Structure formats: C-alpha cells, structure tokens
Amino acid sequence: MSRDSTSTIAVVTGGTSGIGLATARHLLERGNRCAIFGQRPINVESAAEALSQDFGSERVFARSIDLAEPTQITSFFRELDAQGLARHPQAIALGKLLCR
C-alpha cells in the first residue's frame, strides 16, 4: 500500500531543535511533508525558516503550542485537518509532555 506524500503529513513534537529537528529533516529528505511544533515561538520560527528554505514552505507546517494546553493541541490538529492533511499513522513524539 502506497501513501501519497502530498496529502499526508508526519507530525514531530519537539521538532524545533535537537533530535526532533533532525527527525523532521530526515523525514523531509525522504519526500514527506512534516508538521513540527514547540513551545518557544522563536525556536518554531527559526526551525520553520530553515526547513522551508531547504525543502520548500509547502512541505513544512510549524506552530508554537503549549502541550500542557489541550485546546492548543486540538487546534493544531484541526488546522491540519482543515487543510486536507491526513496525519501519518505514526506521529513521532519527541520532547517532554508536562502535565500540570
């Protein structure tokens, strides 16, 4: 079964630095679209700019969200859905999930 890489998107939490950013880059190098998010807007902007420059902005979806805020997570995925992007069945979770 093949998957259309233009209509699916891999989601990498913590994808704005370190291993998460390297994972996003790896996925993009292999032709995937990639959604990244992180808590710090400056890191999100920097990662999105670098990845967009290397792979094209149409393949990178980046948002600043706080994982401790469920409504922000829901909004992130609703935005992906609204753009007609099916999430890859195995979203990649990196980074910490802190519960209050």
C-alpha atoms as a PDB file:
ATOM      1  CA  MET A   1       0.000   0.000   0.000  1.00  0.00           C
ATOM      2  CA  SER A   2       1.490   3.314  -1.014  1.00  0.00           C
ATOM      3  CA  ARG A   3       0.805   6.611   0.631  1.00  0.00           C
ATOM      4  CA  ASP A   4       0.542   9.961  -1.167  1.00  0.00           C
ATOM      5  CA  SER A   5       3.189  12.132   0.498  1.00  0.00           C
ATOM      6  CA  THR A   6       1.423  15.318  -0.631  1.00  0.00           C
ATOM      7  CA  SER A   7      -1.759  14.612   1.324  1.00  0.00           C
ATOM      8  CA  THR A   8      -0.247  13.028   4.423  1.00  0.00           C
ATOM      9  CA  ILE A   9       1.932  14.699   6.968  1.00  0.00           C
ATOM     10  CA  ALA A  10       4.270  13.376   9.649  1.00  0.00           C
ATOM     11  CA  VAL A  11       3.876  15.138  12.992  1.00  0.00           C
ATOM     12  CA  VAL A  12       7.012  15.617  15.086  1.00  0.00           C
ATOM     13  CA  THR A  13       6.573  17.068  18.559  1.00  0.00           C
ATOM     14  CA  GLY A  14       9.669  18.847  19.761  1.00  0.00           C
ATOM     15  CA  GLY A  15      10.615  19.221  16.099  1.00  0.00           C
ATOM     16  CA  THR A  16      12.204  22.629  16.511  1.00  0.00           C
ATOM     17  CA  SER A  17      15.595  21.591  17.896  1.00  0.00           C
ATOM     18  CA  GLY A  18      17.894  18.679  18.627  1.00  0.00           C
ATOM     19  CA  ILE A  19      16.724  15.166  17.789  1.00  0.00           C
ATOM     20  CA  GLY A  20      13.234  16.384  16.886  1.00  0.00           C
ATOM     21  CA  LEU A  21      14.581  18.806  14.282  1.00  0.00           C
ATOM     22  CA  ALA A  22      16.928  16.131  12.929  1.00  0.00           C
ATOM     23  CA  THR A  23      13.961  13.750  12.664  1.00  0.00           C
ATOM     24  CA  ALA A  24      11.891  16.339  10.793  1.00  0.00           C
ATOM     25  CA  ARG A  25      14.803  16.964   8.423  1.00  0.00           C
ATOM     26  CA  HIS A  26      15.202  13.194   7.875  1.00  0.00           C
ATOM     27  CA  LEU A  27      11.508  12.836   7.010  1.00  0.00           C
ATOM     28  CA  LEU A  28      11.622  15.811   4.646  1.00  0.00           C
ATOM     29  CA  GLU A  29      14.722  14.446   2.918  1.00  0.00           C
ATOM     30  CA  ARG A  30      12.704  11.341   2.118  1.00  0.00           C
ATOM     31  CA  GLY A  31       9.917  13.291   0.453  1.00  0.00           C
ATOM     32  CA  ASN A  32       7.455  13.584   3.328  1.00  0.00           C
ATOM     33  CA  ARG A  33       5.582  16.657   4.433  1.00  0.00           C
ATOM     34  CA  CYS A  34       6.250  17.453   8.066  1.00  0.00           C
ATOM     35  CA  ALA A  35       4.432  19.288  10.856  1.00  0.00           C
ATOM     36  CA  ILE A  36       6.524  20.471  13.770  1.00  0.00           C
ATOM     37  CA  PHE A  37       5.587  22.277  16.923  1.00  0.00           C
ATOM     38  CA  GLY A  38       7.250  23.555  20.033  1.00  0.00           C
ATOM     39  CA  GLN A  39       6.626  25.890  22.923  1.00  0.00           C
ATOM     40  CA  ARG A  40       9.051  28.692  22.127  1.00  0.00           C
ATOM     41  CA  PRO A  41       7.935  30.876  19.202  1.00  0.00           C
ATOM     42  CA  ILE A  42      11.500  31.921  18.333  1.00  0.00           C
ATOM     43  CA  ASN A  43      12.567  28.269  18.002  1.00  0.00           C
ATOM     44  CA  VAL A  44       9.495  27.420  15.918  1.00  0.00           C
ATOM     45  CA  GLU A  45      10.141  30.362  13.581  1.00  0.00           C
ATOM     46  CA  SER A  46      13.833  29.521  13.237  1.00  0.00           C
ATOM     47  CA  ALA A  47      13.216  25.825  12.522  1.00  0.00           C
ATOM     48  CA  ALA A  48      10.377  26.568  10.086  1.00  0.00           C
ATOM     49  CA  GLU A  49      12.529  29.071   8.207  1.00  0.00           C
ATOM     50  CA  ALA A  50      15.482  26.684   7.921  1.00  0.00           C
ATOM     51  CA  LEU A  51      13.358  23.699   6.869  1.00  0.00           C
ATOM     52  CA  SER A  52      11.301  25.774   4.427  1.00  0.00           C
ATOM     53  CA  GLN A  53      14.460  27.142   2.842  1.00  0.00           C
ATOM     54  CA  ASP A  54      15.855  23.630   2.355  1.00  0.00           C
ATOM     55  CA  PHE A  55      12.658  21.766   1.424  1.00  0.00           C
ATOM     56  CA  GLY A  56      10.024  24.346   0.454  1.00  0.00           C
ATOM     57  CA  SER A  57       7.436  26.035   2.619  1.00  0.00           C
ATOM     58  CA  GLU A  58       4.633  23.923   1.128  1.00  0.00           C
ATOM     59  CA  ARG A  59       6.134  20.858   2.829  1.00  0.00           C
ATOM     60  CA  VAL A  60       6.608  22.387   6.297  1.00  0.00           C
ATOM     61  CA  PHE A  61       3.831  23.156   8.783  1.00  0.00           C
ATOM     62  CA  ALA A  62       5.009  24.775  12.022  1.00  0.00           C
ATOM     63  CA  ARG A  63       3.189  26.177  15.016  1.00  0.00           C
ATOM     64  CA  SER A  64       4.024  27.316  18.518  1.00  0.00           C
ATOM     65  CA  ILE A  65       1.862  25.455  21.023  1.00  0.00           C
ATOM     66  CA  ASP A  66       1.991  24.503  24.670  1.00  0.00           C
ATOM     67  CA  LEU A  67       1.488  20.759  25.196  1.00  0.00           C
ATOM     68  CA  ALA A  68       0.096  21.475  28.652  1.00  0.00           C
ATOM     69  CA  GLU A  69      -2.845  23.245  26.976  1.00  0.00           C
ATOM     70  CA  PRO A  70      -5.182  20.653  25.400  1.00  0.00           C
ATOM     71  CA  THR A  71      -7.075  23.289  23.417  1.00  0.00           C
ATOM     72  CA  GLN A  72      -3.869  24.318  21.640  1.00  0.00           C
ATOM     73  CA  ILE A  73      -3.152  20.702  20.681  1.00  0.00           C
ATOM     74  CA  THR A  74      -6.706  20.254  19.408  1.00  0.00           C
ATOM     75  CA  SER A  75      -6.469  23.476  17.388  1.00  0.00           C
ATOM     76  CA  PHE A  76      -3.193  22.342  15.829  1.00  0.00           C
ATOM     77  CA  PHE A  77      -4.707  19.085  14.577  1.00  0.00           C
ATOM     78  CA  ARG A  78      -7.931  20.766  13.465  1.00  0.00           C
ATOM     79  CA  GLU A  79      -5.846  23.158  11.384  1.00  0.00           C
ATOM     80  CA  LEU A  80      -4.096  20.199   9.740  1.00  0.00           C
ATOM     81  CA  ASP A  81      -7.477  18.596   9.052  1.00  0.00           C
ATOM     82  CA  ALA A  82      -8.871  21.844   7.619  1.00  0.00           C
ATOM     83  CA  GLN A  83      -6.003  21.908   5.132  1.00  0.00           C
ATOM     84  CA  GLY A  84      -6.919  18.407   3.992  1.00  0.00           C
ATOM     85  CA  LEU A  85      -3.832  16.801   5.502  1.00  0.00           C
ATOM     86  CA  ALA A  86      -4.176  13.266   6.818  1.00  0.00           C
ATOM     87  CA  ARG A  87      -1.771  12.574   9.629  1.00  0.00           C
ATOM     88  CA  HIS A  88       0.713   9.799   9.139  1.00  0.00           C
ATOM     89  CA  PRO A  89      -0.490   6.884  11.271  1.00  0.00           C
ATOM     90  CA  GLN A  90       2.640   7.003  13.402  1.00  0.00           C
ATOM     91  CA  ALA A  91       3.150  10.527  14.668  1.00  0.00           C
ATOM     92  CA  ILE A  92       6.577  10.906  16.179  1.00  0.00           C
ATOM     93  CA  ALA A  93       6.665  12.227  19.729  1.00  0.00           C
ATOM     94  CA  LEU A  94       9.896  13.732  20.972  1.00  0.00           C
ATOM     95  CA  GLY A  95      10.384  16.045  23.858  1.00  0.00           C
ATOM     96  CA  LYS A  96       8.619  16.247  27.175  1.00  0.00           C
ATOM     97  CA  LEU A  97       4.935  16.255  27.927  1.00  0.00           C
ATOM     98  CA  LEU A  98       4.427  18.073  31.180  1.00  0.00           C
ATOM     99  CA  CYS A  99       1.139  17.727  32.937  1.00  0.00           C
ATOM    100  CA  ARG A 100       0.040  20.361  35.413  1.00  0.00           C
END
